[in-house]
Amino acid sequence: MAQAEPEDGDKTLTVDEMNFAVEGEVYDLVNSFEIDYYKGVFQKGYVVYANGNRGSC
């Protein structure tokens, strides 16, 4: 997933007026996406969760 112009075969998701391109094959395999913005002390950026799975390390 990227915040970019979609290529042939990509699907587009719009979240909070921002467009994200997803490869068509991935889009077909995943039932739902959750896109969040994380801002920590040392890092910041988008976090993508697929199928409601937030996972852990």
N, C-alpha and C. Protein backbone atom coordinates (compact mmCIF):
# COMPACT_ATOMS: atom_id res chain seq x y z
N MET A 1 0.85 -1.15 0.00
CA MET A 1 0.00 0.00 0.00
C MET A 1 0.89 1.22 0.00
N ALA A 2 0.51 2.20 -0.78
CA ALA A 2 1.31 3.42 -0.86
C ALA A 2 0.40 4.60 -1.11
N GLN A 3 0.83 5.74 -0.66
CA GLN A 3 0.12 6.96 -1.01
C GLN A 3 0.76 7.44 -2.30
N ALA A 4 0.17 7.00 -3.41
CA ALA A 4 0.75 7.27 -4.72
C ALA A 4 -0.35 7.16 -5.78
N GLU A 5 0.02 7.51 -6.99
CA GLU A 5 -0.90 7.33 -8.10
C GLU A 5 -1.05 5.84 -8.37
N PRO A 6 -2.27 5.36 -8.54
CA PRO A 6 -2.46 3.93 -8.80
C PRO A 6 -1.91 3.54 -10.16
N GLU A 7 -1.38 2.31 -10.23
CA GLU A 7 -0.93 1.73 -11.48
C GLU A 7 -2.02 0.83 -12.02
N ASP A 8 -1.84 0.32 -13.21
CA ASP A 8 -2.83 -0.58 -13.81
C ASP A 8 -3.09 -1.76 -12.87
N GLY A 9 -4.35 -2.06 -12.60
CA GLY A 9 -4.73 -3.17 -11.76
C GLY A 9 -4.83 -2.83 -10.28
N ASP A 10 -4.42 -1.63 -9.88
CA ASP A 10 -4.50 -1.22 -8.47
C ASP A 10 -5.91 -0.77 -8.12
N LYS A 11 -6.24 -0.88 -6.85
CA LYS A 11 -7.49 -0.36 -6.31
C LYS A 11 -7.14 0.88 -5.48
N THR A 12 -8.10 1.77 -5.30
CA THR A 12 -7.86 2.99 -4.54
C THR A 12 -8.76 3.03 -3.32
N LEU A 13 -8.17 3.33 -2.16
CA LEU A 13 -8.91 3.54 -0.92
C LEU A 13 -8.78 5.02 -0.55
N THR A 14 -9.85 5.60 -0.06
CA THR A 14 -9.81 6.98 0.39
C THR A 14 -10.10 7.00 1.89
N VAL A 15 -9.17 7.56 2.65
CA VAL A 15 -9.29 7.67 4.10
C VAL A 15 -9.00 9.11 4.47
N ASP A 16 -9.96 9.75 5.13
CA ASP A 16 -9.80 11.14 5.55
C ASP A 16 -9.30 12.02 4.39
N GLU A 17 -9.94 11.88 3.25
CA GLU A 17 -9.65 12.66 2.05
C GLU A 17 -8.26 12.41 1.47
N MET A 18 -7.61 11.31 1.86
CA MET A 18 -6.31 10.93 1.30
C MET A 18 -6.49 9.63 0.54
N ASN A 19 -5.92 9.55 -0.66
CA ASN A 19 -6.04 8.36 -1.50
C ASN A 19 -4.82 7.46 -1.32
N PHE A 20 -5.07 6.16 -1.22
CA PHE A 20 -4.03 5.15 -1.11
C PHE A 20 -4.24 4.12 -2.20
N ALA A 21 -3.16 3.74 -2.87
CA ALA A 21 -3.22 2.71 -3.91
C ALA A 21 -2.86 1.36 -3.31
N VAL A 22 -3.65 0.36 -3.64
CA VAL A 22 -3.42 -1.01 -3.17
C VAL A 22 -3.36 -1.92 -4.38
N GLU A 23 -2.35 -2.81 -4.42
CA GLU A 23 -2.28 -3.76 -5.51
C GLU A 23 -3.57 -4.57 -5.57
N GLY A 24 -4.10 -4.76 -6.75
CA GLY A 24 -5.36 -5.46 -6.93
C GLY A 24 -5.39 -6.84 -6.30
N GLU A 25 -4.28 -7.61 -6.41
CA GLU A 25 -4.22 -8.96 -5.84
C GLU A 25 -4.32 -8.91 -4.32
N VAL A 26 -3.68 -7.94 -3.71
CA VAL A 26 -3.72 -7.80 -2.24
C VAL A 26 -5.11 -7.37 -1.82
N TYR A 27 -5.68 -6.43 -2.52
CA TYR A 27 -7.01 -5.93 -2.21
C TYR A 27 -8.03 -7.06 -2.22
N ASP A 28 -7.90 -7.97 -3.18
CA ASP A 28 -8.83 -9.10 -3.29
C ASP A 28 -8.67 -10.11 -2.16
N LEU A 29 -7.48 -10.20 -1.56
CA LEU A 29 -7.22 -11.16 -0.48
C LEU A 29 -7.60 -10.64 0.90
N VAL A 30 -7.63 -9.33 1.07
CA VAL A 30 -7.86 -8.73 2.38
C VAL A 30 -9.29 -8.22 2.46
N ASN A 31 -9.97 -8.57 3.55
CA ASN A 31 -11.37 -8.16 3.71
C ASN A 31 -11.52 -6.71 4.12
N SER A 32 -10.59 -6.21 4.93
CA SER A 32 -10.69 -4.82 5.38
C SER A 32 -9.31 -4.28 5.72
N PHE A 33 -9.16 -2.99 5.54
CA PHE A 33 -7.93 -2.28 5.89
C PHE A 33 -8.25 -1.23 6.94
N GLU A 34 -7.32 -1.00 7.85
CA GLU A 34 -7.42 0.12 8.78
C GLU A 34 -6.11 0.89 8.65
N ILE A 35 -6.21 2.17 8.39
CA ILE A 35 -5.03 3.00 8.22
C ILE A 35 -5.01 4.01 9.35
N ASP A 36 -3.90 4.03 10.06
CA ASP A 36 -3.76 4.92 11.22
C ASP A 36 -2.46 5.69 11.07
N TYR A 37 -2.39 6.85 11.69
CA TYR A 37 -1.16 7.63 11.70
C TYR A 37 -0.57 7.54 13.10
N TYR A 38 0.68 7.11 13.17
CA TYR A 38 1.37 6.93 14.45
C TYR A 38 2.42 8.03 14.59
N LYS A 39 2.44 8.65 15.74
CA LYS A 39 3.48 9.66 16.02
C LYS A 39 4.04 9.37 17.39
N GLY A 40 5.25 8.85 17.42
CA GLY A 40 5.92 8.53 18.67
C GLY A 40 7.10 9.46 18.89
N VAL A 41 7.88 9.16 19.89
CA VAL A 41 9.04 10.00 20.22
C VAL A 41 10.09 9.94 19.11
N PHE A 42 10.35 8.72 18.58
CA PHE A 42 11.41 8.55 17.60
C PHE A 42 10.94 8.24 16.19
N GLN A 43 9.66 7.96 16.01
CA GLN A 43 9.16 7.63 14.68
C GLN A 43 7.76 8.16 14.48
N LYS A 44 7.43 8.33 13.22
CA LYS A 44 6.06 8.70 12.87
C LYS A 44 5.79 8.18 11.47
N GLY A 45 4.53 7.93 11.19
CA GLY A 45 4.15 7.45 9.88
C GLY A 45 2.86 6.67 9.92
N TYR A 46 2.47 6.18 8.76
CA TYR A 46 1.24 5.43 8.65
C TYR A 46 1.45 3.98 9.06
N VAL A 47 0.44 3.44 9.70
CA VAL A 47 0.42 2.03 10.07
C VAL A 47 -0.82 1.43 9.42
N VAL A 48 -0.63 0.31 8.75
CA VAL A 48 -1.74 -0.34 8.05
C VAL A 48 -2.02 -1.68 8.71
N TYR A 49 -3.28 -1.91 9.06
CA TYR A 49 -3.71 -3.17 9.65
C TYR A 49 -4.65 -3.83 8.66
N ALA A 50 -4.47 -5.13 8.43
CA ALA A 50 -5.31 -5.87 7.50
C ALA A 50 -6.23 -6.79 8.28
N ASN A 51 -7.48 -6.84 7.87
CA ASN A 51 -8.49 -7.72 8.48
C ASN A 51 -8.64 -7.50 9.97
N GLY A 52 -8.45 -6.28 10.44
CA GLY A 52 -8.63 -5.96 11.86
C GLY A 52 -7.55 -6.49 12.76
N ASN A 53 -6.47 -7.03 12.19
CA ASN A 53 -5.40 -7.62 12.99
C ASN A 53 -4.32 -6.58 13.26
N ARG A 54 -4.22 -6.16 14.51
CA ARG A 54 -3.21 -5.19 14.88
C ARG A 54 -1.89 -5.85 15.22
N GLY A 55 -1.89 -7.15 15.48
CA GLY A 55 -0.66 -7.90 15.72
C GLY A 55 0.17 -7.35 16.86
N SER A 56 1.27 -8.00 17.14
CA SER A 56 2.21 -7.53 18.17
C SER A 56 3.56 -8.15 17.91
N CYS A 57 4.59 -7.55 18.47
CA CYS A 57 5.96 -8.07 18.30
C CYS A 57 6.45 -8.64 19.60
